[in-house]
Amino acid sequence: MKISFTKMSGAGNDFIVVDNRSGIITDPSKFTIAVCNRRLGIGADGVLLVETSNIADFTMKYYNADGSNAGMCGNGGRCIAKFAFDNAIVTKEQFKFEAF
């Protein structure tokens, strides 16, 4: 299966960012462990998933390289905001996202 991603860096942390609004990643922990491996995968500190939200413009889900859900990450928040804007997930300069 092919999954489009963007590798981003924010203040020394690197992330794999995926638009997961279609639900292509069904097991985020397993996916994260595989792709964050620096020797056998893409290599990153974690994975950021863009998902739909009922209360904001989108949801950010952040997983550490070990597959654990981390909730919020400031450096990741900056990266996912740029990703969402650059990929027309949001089209206005001010927007809201939820994180968990």
PDB file of N, CA and C in Angstrom:
ATOM      1  N   MET A   1       0.836  -1.161   0.000  1.00  0.00           N
ATOM      2  CA  MET A   1       0.000   0.000   0.000  1.00  0.00           C
ATOM      3  C   MET A   1       0.892   1.240   0.000  1.00  0.00           C
ATOM      4  N   LYS A   2       0.547   2.216  -0.820  1.00  0.00           N
ATOM      5  CA  LYS A   2       1.279   3.471  -0.858  1.00  0.00           C
ATOM      6  C   LYS A   2       0.563   4.496   0.003  1.00  0.00           C
ATOM      7  N   ILE A   3       1.344   5.178   0.831  1.00  0.00           N
ATOM      8  CA  ILE A   3       0.809   6.242   1.681  1.00  0.00           C
ATOM      9  C   ILE A   3       1.660   7.480   1.452  1.00  0.00           C
ATOM     10  N   SER A   4       1.044   8.553   0.990  1.00  0.00           N
ATOM     11  CA  SER A   4       1.757   9.813   0.788  1.00  0.00           C
ATOM     12  C   SER A   4       2.071  10.432   2.138  1.00  0.00           C
ATOM     13  N   PHE A   5       3.261  11.001   2.261  1.00  0.00           N
ATOM     14  CA  PHE A   5       3.670  11.638   3.504  1.00  0.00           C
ATOM     15  C   PHE A   5       4.583  12.804   3.196  1.00  0.00           C
ATOM     16  N   THR A   6       4.768  13.641   4.188  1.00  0.00           N
ATOM     17  CA  THR A   6       5.733  14.738   4.132  1.00  0.00           C
ATOM     18  C   THR A   6       6.602  14.631   5.370  1.00  0.00           C
ATOM     19  N   LYS A   7       7.898  14.780   5.188  1.00  0.00           N
ATOM     20  CA  LYS A   7       8.818  14.791   6.326  1.00  0.00           C
ATOM     21  C   LYS A   7       9.072  16.253   6.667  1.00  0.00           C
ATOM     22  N   MET A   8       8.855  16.611   7.926  1.00  0.00           N
ATOM     23  CA  MET A   8       9.006  17.997   8.348  1.00  0.00           C
ATOM     24  C   MET A   8       9.865  18.068   9.602  1.00  0.00           C
ATOM     25  N   SER A   9      10.487  19.215   9.793  1.00  0.00           N
ATOM     26  CA  SER A   9      11.312  19.439  10.969  1.00  0.00           C
ATOM     27  C   SER A   9      10.860  20.723  11.655  1.00  0.00           C
ATOM     28  N   GLY A  10      10.779  20.664  12.989  1.00  0.00           N
ATOM     29  CA  GLY A  10      10.405  21.838  13.759  1.00  0.00           C
ATOM     30  C   GLY A  10      11.270  21.944  14.990  1.00  0.00           C
ATOM     31  N   ALA A  11      12.147  22.927  15.032  1.00  0.00           N
ATOM     32  CA  ALA A  11      12.987  23.213  16.197  1.00  0.00           C
ATOM     33  C   ALA A  11      13.737  21.968  16.693  1.00  0.00           C
ATOM     34  N   GLY A  12      14.267  21.194  15.753  1.00  0.00           N
ATOM     35  CA  GLY A  12      15.098  20.058  16.119  1.00  0.00           C
ATOM     36  C   GLY A  12      14.384  18.728  16.168  1.00  0.00           C
ATOM     37  N   ASN A  13      13.060  18.721  16.100  1.00  0.00           N
ATOM     38  CA  ASN A  13      12.311  17.466  16.035  1.00  0.00           C
ATOM     39  C   ASN A  13      11.901  17.214  14.594  1.00  0.00           C
ATOM     40  N   ASP A  14      11.931  15.948  14.176  1.00  0.00           N
ATOM     41  CA  ASP A  14      11.475  15.638  12.827  1.00  0.00           C
ATOM     42  C   ASP A  14      10.262  14.716  12.895  1.00  0.00           C
ATOM     43  N   PHE A  15       9.349  14.940  11.953  1.00  0.00           N
ATOM     44  CA  PHE A  15       8.060  14.275  11.952  1.00  0.00           C
ATOM     45  C   PHE A  15       7.724  13.760  10.566  1.00  0.00           C
ATOM     46  N   ILE A  16       6.966  12.683  10.537  1.00  0.00           N
ATOM     47  CA  ILE A  16       6.336  12.194   9.321  1.00  0.00           C
ATOM     48  C   ILE A  16       4.884  12.639   9.419  1.00  0.00           C
ATOM     49  N   VAL A  17       4.435  13.416   8.444  1.00  0.00           N
ATOM     50  CA  VAL A  17       3.093  13.986   8.474  1.00  0.00           C
ATOM     51  C   VAL A  17       2.245  13.346   7.379  1.00  0.00           C
ATOM     52  N   VAL A  18       1.066  12.877   7.762  1.00  0.00           N
ATOM     53  CA  VAL A  18       0.169  12.189   6.823  1.00  0.00           C
ATOM     54  C   VAL A  18      -1.234  12.771   6.943  1.00  0.00           C
ATOM     55  N   ASP A  19      -1.853  13.030   5.800  1.00  0.00           N
ATOM     56  CA  ASP A  19      -3.262  13.406   5.769  1.00  0.00           C
ATOM     57  C   ASP A  19      -4.053  12.105   5.903  1.00  0.00           C
ATOM     58  N   ASN A  20      -4.609  11.884   7.082  1.00  0.00           N
ATOM     59  CA  ASN A  20      -5.323  10.636   7.352  1.00  0.00           C
ATOM     60  C   ASN A  20      -6.834  10.845   7.436  1.00  0.00           C
ATOM     61  N   ARG A  21      -7.331  11.884   6.791  1.00  0.00           N
ATOM     62  CA  ARG A  21      -8.771  12.139   6.845  1.00  0.00           C
ATOM     63  C   ARG A  21      -9.576  11.026   6.175  1.00  0.00           C
ATOM     64  N   SER A  22      -8.958  10.268   5.287  1.00  0.00           N
ATOM     65  CA  SER A  22      -9.649   9.151   4.638  1.00  0.00           C
ATOM     66  C   SER A  22      -9.567   7.867   5.463  1.00  0.00           C
ATOM     67  N   GLY A  23      -8.751   7.868   6.522  1.00  0.00           N
ATOM     68  CA  GLY A  23      -8.625   6.695   7.379  1.00  0.00           C
ATOM     69  C   GLY A  23      -7.733   5.603   6.830  1.00  0.00           C
ATOM     70  N   ILE A  24      -6.805   5.964   5.949  1.00  0.00           N
ATOM     71  CA  ILE A  24      -5.917   4.962   5.345  1.00  0.00           C
ATOM     72  C   ILE A  24      -5.034   4.266   6.389  1.00  0.00           C
ATOM     73  N   ILE A  25      -4.655   4.988   7.432  1.00  0.00           N
ATOM     74  CA  ILE A  25      -3.865   4.390   8.512  1.00  0.00           C
ATOM     75  C   ILE A  25      -4.844   3.935   9.588  1.00  0.00           C
ATOM     76  N   THR A  26      -4.995   2.629   9.717  1.00  0.00           N
ATOM     77  CA  THR A  26      -5.971   2.077  10.661  1.00  0.00           C
ATOM     78  C   THR A  26      -5.348   1.693  11.997  1.00  0.00           C
ATOM     79  N   ASP A  27      -4.042   1.487  12.026  1.00  0.00           N
ATOM     80  CA  ASP A  27      -3.332   1.151  13.270  1.00  0.00           C
ATOM     81  C   ASP A  27      -2.162   2.128  13.423  1.00  0.00           C
ATOM     82  N   PRO A  28      -2.438   3.338  13.922  1.00  0.00           N
ATOM     83  CA  PRO A  28      -1.406   4.375  13.991  1.00  0.00           C
ATOM     84  C   PRO A  28      -0.163   3.964  14.784  1.00  0.00           C
ATOM     85  N   SER A  29      -0.330   3.222  15.868  1.00  0.00           N
ATOM     86  CA  SER A  29       0.830   2.820  16.673  1.00  0.00           C
ATOM     87  C   SER A  29       1.759   1.918  15.877  1.00  0.00           C
ATOM     88  N   LYS A  30       1.215   0.925  15.223  1.00  0.00           N
ATOM     89  CA  LYS A  30       2.022  -0.003  14.425  1.00  0.00           C
ATOM     90  C   LYS A  30       2.697   0.729  13.266  1.00  0.00           C
ATOM     91  N   PHE A  31       1.944   1.583  12.589  1.00  0.00           N
ATOM     92  CA  PHE A  31       2.487   2.378  11.488  1.00  0.00           C
ATOM     93  C   PHE A  31       3.652   3.239  11.968  1.00  0.00           C
ATOM     94  N   THR A  32       3.458   3.909  13.088  1.00  0.00           N
ATOM     95  CA  THR A  32       4.475   4.813  13.629  1.00  0.00           C
ATOM     96  C   THR A  32       5.764   4.071  13.966  1.00  0.00           C
ATOM     97  N   ILE A  33       5.651   2.952  14.643  1.00  0.00           N
ATOM     98  CA  ILE A  33       6.842   2.172  15.004  1.00  0.00           C
ATOM     99  C   ILE A  33       7.620   1.784  13.752  1.00  0.00           C
ATOM    100  N   ALA A  34       6.913   1.381  12.707  1.00  0.00           N
ATOM    101  CA  ALA A  34       7.575   0.947  11.473  1.00  0.00           C
ATOM    102  C   ALA A  34       8.269   2.098  10.750  1.00  0.00           C
ATOM    103  N   VAL A  35       7.586   3.214  10.572  1.00  0.00           N
ATOM    104  CA  VAL A  35       8.159   4.283   9.752  1.00  0.00           C
ATOM    105  C   VAL A  35       9.156   5.151  10.500  1.00  0.00           C
ATOM    106  N   CYS A  36       9.081   5.206  11.825  1.00  0.00           N
ATOM    107  CA  CYS A  36       9.997   6.057  12.585  1.00  0.00           C
ATOM    108  C   CYS A  36      11.351   5.401  12.830  1.00  0.00           C
ATOM    109  N   ASN A  37      11.468   4.121  12.581  1.00  0.00           N
ATOM    110  CA  ASN A  37      12.735   3.418  12.761  1.00  0.00           C
ATOM    111  C   ASN A  37      13.790   4.047  11.844  1.00  0.00           C
ATOM    112  N   ARG A  38      14.849   4.572  12.435  1.00  0.00           N
ATOM    113  CA  ARG A  38      15.867   5.286  11.654  1.00  0.00           C
ATOM    114  C   ARG A  38      16.783   4.359  10.857  1.00  0.00           C
ATOM    115  N   ARG A  39      16.793   3.092  11.172  1.00  0.00           N
ATOM    116  CA  ARG A  39      17.630   2.145  10.427  1.00  0.00           C
ATOM    117  C   ARG A  39      16.846   1.415   9.347  1.00  0.00           C
ATOM    118  N   LEU A  40      15.571   1.139   9.596  1.00  0.00           N
ATOM    119  CA  LEU A  40      14.791   0.336   8.663  1.00  0.00           C
ATOM    120  C   LEU A  40      13.602   1.080   8.060  1.00  0.00           C
ATOM    121  N   GLY A  41      13.285   2.253   8.579  1.00  0.00           N
ATOM    122  CA  GLY A  41      12.148   3.030   8.086  1.00  0.00           C
ATOM    123  C   GLY A  41      12.602   4.372   7.555  1.00  0.00           C
ATOM    124  N   ILE A  42      11.689   5.308   7.547  1.00  0.00           N
ATOM    125  CA  ILE A  42      11.992   6.674   7.105  1.00  0.00           C
ATOM    126  C   ILE A  42      12.836   7.371   8.162  1.00  0.00           C
ATOM    127  N   GLY A  43      12.488   7.137   9.419  1.00  0.00           N
ATOM    128  CA  GLY A  43      13.205   7.741  10.533  1.00  0.00           C
ATOM    129  C   GLY A  43      12.595   9.063  10.938  1.00  0.00           C
ATOM    130  N   ALA A  44      12.157   9.145  12.187  1.00  0.00           N
ATOM    131  CA  ALA A  44      11.579  10.390  12.705  1.00  0.00           C
ATOM    132  C   ALA A  44      11.370  10.268  14.202  1.00  0.00           C
ATOM    133  N   ASP A  45      11.141  11.427  14.840  1.00  0.00           N
ATOM    134  CA  ASP A  45      10.807  11.446  16.261  1.00  0.00           C
ATOM    135  C   ASP A  45       9.356  11.041  16.499  1.00  0.00           C
ATOM    136  N   GLY A  46       8.529  11.164  15.467  1.00  0.00           N
ATOM    137  CA  GLY A  46       7.133  10.809  15.628  1.00  0.00           C
ATOM    138  C   GLY A  46       6.341  11.007  14.357  1.00  0.00           C
ATOM    139  N   VAL A  47       5.059  10.658  14.431  1.00  0.00           N
ATOM    140  CA  VAL A  47       4.131  10.782  13.304  1.00  0.00           C
ATOM    141  C   VAL A  47       3.020  11.749  13.698  1.00  0.00           C
ATOM    142  N   LEU A  48       2.683  12.637  12.781  1.00  0.00           N
ATOM    143  CA  LEU A  48       1.570  13.565  12.934  1.00  0.00           C
ATOM    144  C   LEU A  48       0.505  13.184  11.915  1.00  0.00           C
ATOM    145  N   LEU A  49      -0.703  12.939  12.388  1.00  0.00           N
ATOM    146  CA  LEU A  49      -1.812  12.605  11.503  1.00  0.00           C
ATOM    147  C   LEU A  49      -2.816  13.742  11.490  1.00  0.00           C
ATOM    148  N   VAL A  50      -3.203  14.156  10.296  1.00  0.00           N
ATOM    149  CA  VAL A  50      -4.300  15.111  10.129  1.00  0.00           C
ATOM    150  C   VAL A  50      -5.576  14.291  10.006  1.00  0.00           C
ATOM    151  N   GLU A  51      -6.530  14.543  10.889  1.00  0.00           N
ATOM    152  CA  GLU A  51      -7.803  13.833  10.845  1.00  0.00           C
ATOM    153  C   GLU A  51      -8.937  14.834  10.941  1.00  0.00           C
ATOM    154  N   THR A  52     -10.135  14.391  10.624  1.00  0.00           N
ATOM    155  CA  THR A  52     -11.282  15.289  10.651  1.00  0.00           C
ATOM    156  C   THR A  52     -11.662  15.642  12.088  1.00  0.00           C
ATOM    157  N   SER A  53     -12.372  16.751  12.223  1.00  0.00           N
ATOM    158  CA  SER A  53     -12.815  17.222  13.526  1.00  0.00           C
ATOM    159  C   SER A  53     -14.224  17.782  13.398  1.00  0.00           C
ATOM    160  N   ASN A  54     -15.000  17.588  14.444  1.00  0.00           N
ATOM    161  CA  ASN A  54     -16.344  18.172  14.485  1.00  0.00           C
ATOM    162  C   ASN A  54     -16.362  19.551  15.139  1.00  0.00           C
ATOM    163  N   ILE A  55     -15.239  19.932  15.785  1.00  0.00           N
ATOM    164  CA  ILE A  55     -15.229  21.200  16.520  1.00  0.00           C
ATOM    165  C   ILE A  55     -14.142  22.170  16.064  1.00  0.00           C
ATOM    166  N   ALA A  56     -13.266  21.726  15.176  1.00  0.00           N
ATOM    167  CA  ALA A  56     -12.175  22.578  14.695  1.00  0.00           C
ATOM    168  C   ALA A  56     -11.985  22.311  13.196  1.00  0.00           C
ATOM    169  N   ASP A  57     -11.008  22.982  12.615  1.00  0.00           N
ATOM    170  CA  ASP A  57     -10.747  22.790  11.186  1.00  0.00           C
ATOM    171  C   ASP A  57     -10.177  21.404  10.890  1.00  0.00           C
ATOM    172  N   PHE A  58      -9.418  20.853  11.832  1.00  0.00           N
ATOM    173  CA  PHE A  58      -8.918  19.487  11.726  1.00  0.00           C
ATOM    174  C   PHE A  58      -8.405  19.041  13.090  1.00  0.00           C
ATOM    175  N   THR A  59      -8.100  17.755  13.197  1.00  0.00           N
ATOM    176  CA  THR A  59      -7.532  17.182  14.417  1.00  0.00           C
ATOM    177  C   THR A  59      -6.093  16.772  14.151  1.00  0.00           C
ATOM    178  N   MET A  60      -5.222  17.048  15.107  1.00  0.00           N
ATOM    179  CA  MET A  60      -3.842  16.572  15.061  1.00  0.00           C
ATOM    180  C   MET A  60      -3.723  15.411  16.040  1.00  0.00           C
ATOM    181  N   LYS A  61      -3.273  14.266  15.534  1.00  0.00           N
ATOM    182  CA  LYS A  61      -2.949  13.149  16.412  1.00  0.00           C
ATOM    183  C   LYS A  61      -1.447  12.923  16.304  1.00  0.00           C
ATOM    184  N   TYR A  62      -0.789  12.929  17.459  1.00  0.00           N
ATOM    185  CA  TYR A  62       0.671  12.793  17.490  1.00  0.00           C
ATOM    186  C   TYR A  62       1.056  11.505  18.194  1.00  0.00           C
ATOM    187  N   TYR A  63       1.906  10.736  17.533  1.00  0.00           N
ATOM    188  CA  TYR A  63       2.423   9.492  18.083  1.00  0.00           C
ATOM    189  C   TYR A  63       3.943   9.569  18.164  1.00  0.00           C
ATOM    190  N   ASN A  64       4.481   9.243  19.335  1.00  0.00           N
ATOM    191  CA  ASN A  64       5.932   9.155  19.515  1.00  0.00           C
ATOM    192  C   ASN A  64       6.464   7.982  18.701  1.00  0.00           C
ATOM    193  N   ALA A  65       7.769   7.971  18.482  1.00  0.00           N
ATOM    194  CA  ALA A  65       8.401   6.921  17.685  1.00  0.00           C
ATOM    195  C   ALA A  65       8.149   5.523  18.238  1.00  0.00           C
ATOM    196  N   ASP A  66       7.882   5.394  19.526  1.00  0.00           N
ATOM    197  CA  ASP A  66       7.602   4.080  20.115  1.00  0.00           C
ATOM    198  C   ASP A  66       6.142   3.657  19.944  1.00  0.00           C
ATOM    199  N   GLY A  67       5.344   4.468  19.265  1.00  0.00           N
ATOM    200  CA  GLY A  67       3.954   4.143  18.995  1.00  0.00           C
ATOM    201  C   GLY A  67       2.966   4.669  20.013  1.00  0.00           C
ATOM    202  N   SER A  68       3.464   5.275  21.089  1.00  0.00           N
ATOM    203  CA  SER A  68       2.551   5.798  22.111  1.00  0.00           C
ATOM    204  C   SER A  68       1.941   7.120  21.655  1.00  0.00           C
ATOM    205  N   ASN A  69       0.677   7.339  22.032  1.00  0.00           N
ATOM    206  CA  ASN A  69       0.002   8.582  21.710  1.00  0.00           C
ATOM    207  C   ASN A  69       0.496   9.648  22.673  1.00  0.00           C
ATOM    208  N   ALA A  70       0.964  10.760  22.128  1.00  0.00           N
ATOM    209  CA  ALA A  70       1.561  11.800  22.957  1.00  0.00           C
ATOM    210  C   ALA A  70       0.630  12.973  23.215  1.00  0.00           C
ATOM    211  N   GLY A  71      -0.490  13.043  22.537  1.00  0.00           N
ATOM    212  CA  GLY A  71      -1.378  14.181  22.724  1.00  0.00           C
ATOM    213  C   GLY A  71      -0.888  15.388  21.953  1.00  0.00           C
ATOM    214  N   MET A  72      -0.349  16.352  22.644  1.00  0.00           N
ATOM    215  CA  MET A  72       0.086  17.605  22.024  1.00  0.00           C
ATOM    216  C   MET A  72       1.600  17.706  21.980  1.00  0.00           C
ATOM    217  N   CYS A  73       2.093  18.327  20.932  1.00  0.00           N
ATOM    218  CA  CYS A  73       3.520  18.620  20.774  1.00  0.00           C
ATOM    219  C   CYS A  73       3.613  19.986  20.105  1.00  0.00           C
ATOM    220  N   GLY A  74       4.252  20.937  20.754  1.00  0.00           N
ATOM    221  CA  GLY A  74       4.355  22.289  20.204  1.00  0.00           C
ATOM    222  C   GLY A  74       5.072  22.340  18.866  1.00  0.00           C
ATOM    223  N   ASN A  75       6.214  21.663  18.764  1.00  0.00           N
ATOM    224  CA  ASN A  75       6.946  21.643  17.493  1.00  0.00           C
ATOM    225  C   ASN A  75       6.119  20.945  16.415  1.00  0.00           C
ATOM    226  N   GLY A  76       5.438  19.882  16.794  1.00  0.00           N
ATOM    227  CA  GLY A  76       4.566  19.190  15.858  1.00  0.00           C
ATOM    228  C   GLY A  76       3.383  20.053  15.440  1.00  0.00           C
ATOM    229  N   GLY A  77       2.863  20.831  16.363  1.00  0.00           N
ATOM    230  CA  GLY A  77       1.752  21.726  16.053  1.00  0.00           C
ATOM    231  C   GLY A  77       2.111  22.735  14.980  1.00  0.00           C
ATOM    232  N   ARG A  78       3.317  23.276  15.070  1.00  0.00           N
ATOM    233  CA  ARG A  78       3.763  24.218  14.032  1.00  0.00           C
ATOM    234  C   ARG A  78       3.882  23.523  12.681  1.00  0.00           C
ATOM    235  N   CYS A  79       4.420  22.306  12.685  1.00  0.00           N
ATOM    236  CA  CYS A  79       4.591  21.569  11.432  1.00  0.00           C
ATOM    237  C   CYS A  79       3.249  21.198  10.811  1.00  0.00           C
ATOM    238  N   ILE A  80       2.333  20.692  11.625  1.00  0.00           N
ATOM    239  CA  ILE A  80       1.055  20.265  11.061  1.00  0.00           C
ATOM    240  C   ILE A  80       0.235  21.459  10.580  1.00  0.00           C
ATOM    241  N   ALA A  81       0.381  22.616  11.226  1.00  0.00           N
ATOM    242  CA  ALA A  81      -0.314  23.823  10.766  1.00  0.00           C
ATOM    243  C   ALA A  81       0.194  24.220   9.383  1.00  0.00           C
ATOM    244  N   LYS A  82       1.501  24.193   9.183  1.00  0.00           N
ATOM    245  CA  LYS A  82       2.070  24.513   7.864  1.00  0.00           C
ATOM    246  C   LYS A  82       1.646  23.478   6.827  1.00  0.00           C
ATOM    247  N   PHE A  83       1.679  22.210   7.206  1.00  0.00           N
ATOM    248  CA  PHE A  83       1.258  21.140   6.303  1.00  0.00           C
ATOM    249  C   PHE A  83      -0.197  21.351   5.874  1.00  0.00           C
ATOM    250  N   ALA A  84      -1.071  21.639   6.826  1.00  0.00           N
ATOM    251  CA  ALA A  84      -2.495  21.831   6.521  1.00  0.00           C
ATOM    252  C   ALA A  84      -2.701  23.019   5.593  1.00  0.00           C
ATOM    253  N   PHE A  85      -1.978  24.095   5.826  1.00  0.00           N
ATOM    254  CA  PHE A  85      -2.107  25.275   4.967  1.00  0.00           C
ATOM    255  C   PHE A  85      -1.525  25.005   3.579  1.00  0.00           C
ATOM    256  N   ASP A  86      -0.337  24.427   3.518  1.00  0.00           N
ATOM    257  CA  ASP A  86       0.321  24.148   2.234  1.00  0.00           C
ATOM    258  C   ASP A  86      -0.461  23.165   1.374  1.00  0.00           C
ATOM    259  N   ASN A  87      -1.222  22.278   2.003  1.00  0.00           N
ATOM    260  CA  ASN A  87      -1.981  21.264   1.272  1.00  0.00           C
ATOM    261  C   ASN A  87      -3.468  21.597   1.155  1.00  0.00           C
ATOM    262  N   ALA A  88      -3.817  22.843   1.414  1.00  0.00           N
ATOM    263  CA  ALA A  88      -5.184  23.355   1.263  1.00  0.00           C
ATOM    264  C   ALA A  88      -6.209  22.580   2.096  1.00  0.00           C
ATOM    265  N   ILE A  89      -5.753  22.000   3.208  1.00  0.00           N
ATOM    266  CA  ILE A  89      -6.678  21.408   4.171  1.00  0.00           C
ATOM    267  C   ILE A  89      -7.412  22.547   4.874  1.00  0.00           C
ATOM    268  N   VAL A  90      -6.699  23.637   5.094  1.00  0.00           N
ATOM    269  CA  VAL A  90      -7.280  24.906   5.523  1.00  0.00           C
ATOM    270  C   VAL A  90      -6.875  25.949   4.487  1.00  0.00           C
ATOM    271  N   THR A  91      -7.733  26.920   4.274  1.00  0.00           N
ATOM    272  CA  THR A  91      -7.432  27.914   3.246  1.00  0.00           C
ATOM    273  C   THR A  91      -7.375  29.337   3.791  1.00  0.00           C
ATOM    274  N   LYS A  92      -7.570  29.463   5.081  1.00  0.00           N
ATOM    275  CA  LYS A  92      -7.496  30.785   5.695  1.00  0.00           C
ATOM    276  C   LYS A  92      -6.252  30.845   6.580  1.00  0.00           C
ATOM    277  N   GLU A  93      -5.769  32.045   6.820  1.00  0.00           N
ATOM    278  CA  GLU A  93      -4.531  32.198   7.596  1.00  0.00           C
ATOM    279  C   GLU A  93      -4.727  31.949   9.079  1.00  0.00           C
ATOM    280  N   GLN A  94      -5.920  32.101   9.577  1.00  0.00           N
ATOM    281  CA  GLN A  94      -6.206  31.801  10.975  1.00  0.00           C
ATOM    282  C   GLN A  94      -7.183  30.642  11.015  1.00  0.00           C
ATOM    283  N   PHE A  95      -6.796  29.604  11.752  1.00  0.00           N
ATOM    284  CA  PHE A  95      -7.643  28.429  11.848  1.00  0.00           C
ATOM    285  C   PHE A  95      -7.399  27.751  13.185  1.00  0.00           C
ATOM    286  N   LYS A  96      -8.250  26.789  13.508  1.00  0.00           N
ATOM    287  CA  LYS A  96      -8.139  26.066  14.780  1.00  0.00           C
ATOM    288  C   LYS A  96      -7.973  24.589  14.497  1.00  0.00           C
ATOM    289  N   PHE A  97      -7.149  23.948  15.366  1.00  0.00           N
ATOM    290  CA  PHE A  97      -7.102  22.495  15.311  1.00  0.00           C
ATOM    291  C   PHE A  97      -7.116  21.967  16.738  1.00  0.00           C
ATOM    292  N   GLU A  98      -7.631  20.763  16.883  1.00  0.00           N
ATOM    293  CA  GLU A  98      -7.612  20.120  18.191  1.00  0.00           C
ATOM    294  C   GLU A  98      -6.515  19.063  18.175  1.00  0.00           C
ATOM    295  N   ALA A  99      -6.001  18.762  19.347  1.00  0.00           N
ATOM    296  CA  ALA A  99      -4.911  17.784  19.452  1.00  0.00           C
ATOM    297  C   ALA A  99      -5.231  16.778  20.535  1.00  0.00           C
ATOM    298  N   PHE A 100      -4.999  15.513  20.222  1.00  0.00           N
ATOM    299  CA  PHE A 100      -5.084  14.449  21.224  1.00  0.00           C
ATOM    300  C   PHE A 100      -4.502  13.179  20.689  1.00  0.00           C
TER     301      PHE A 100
END
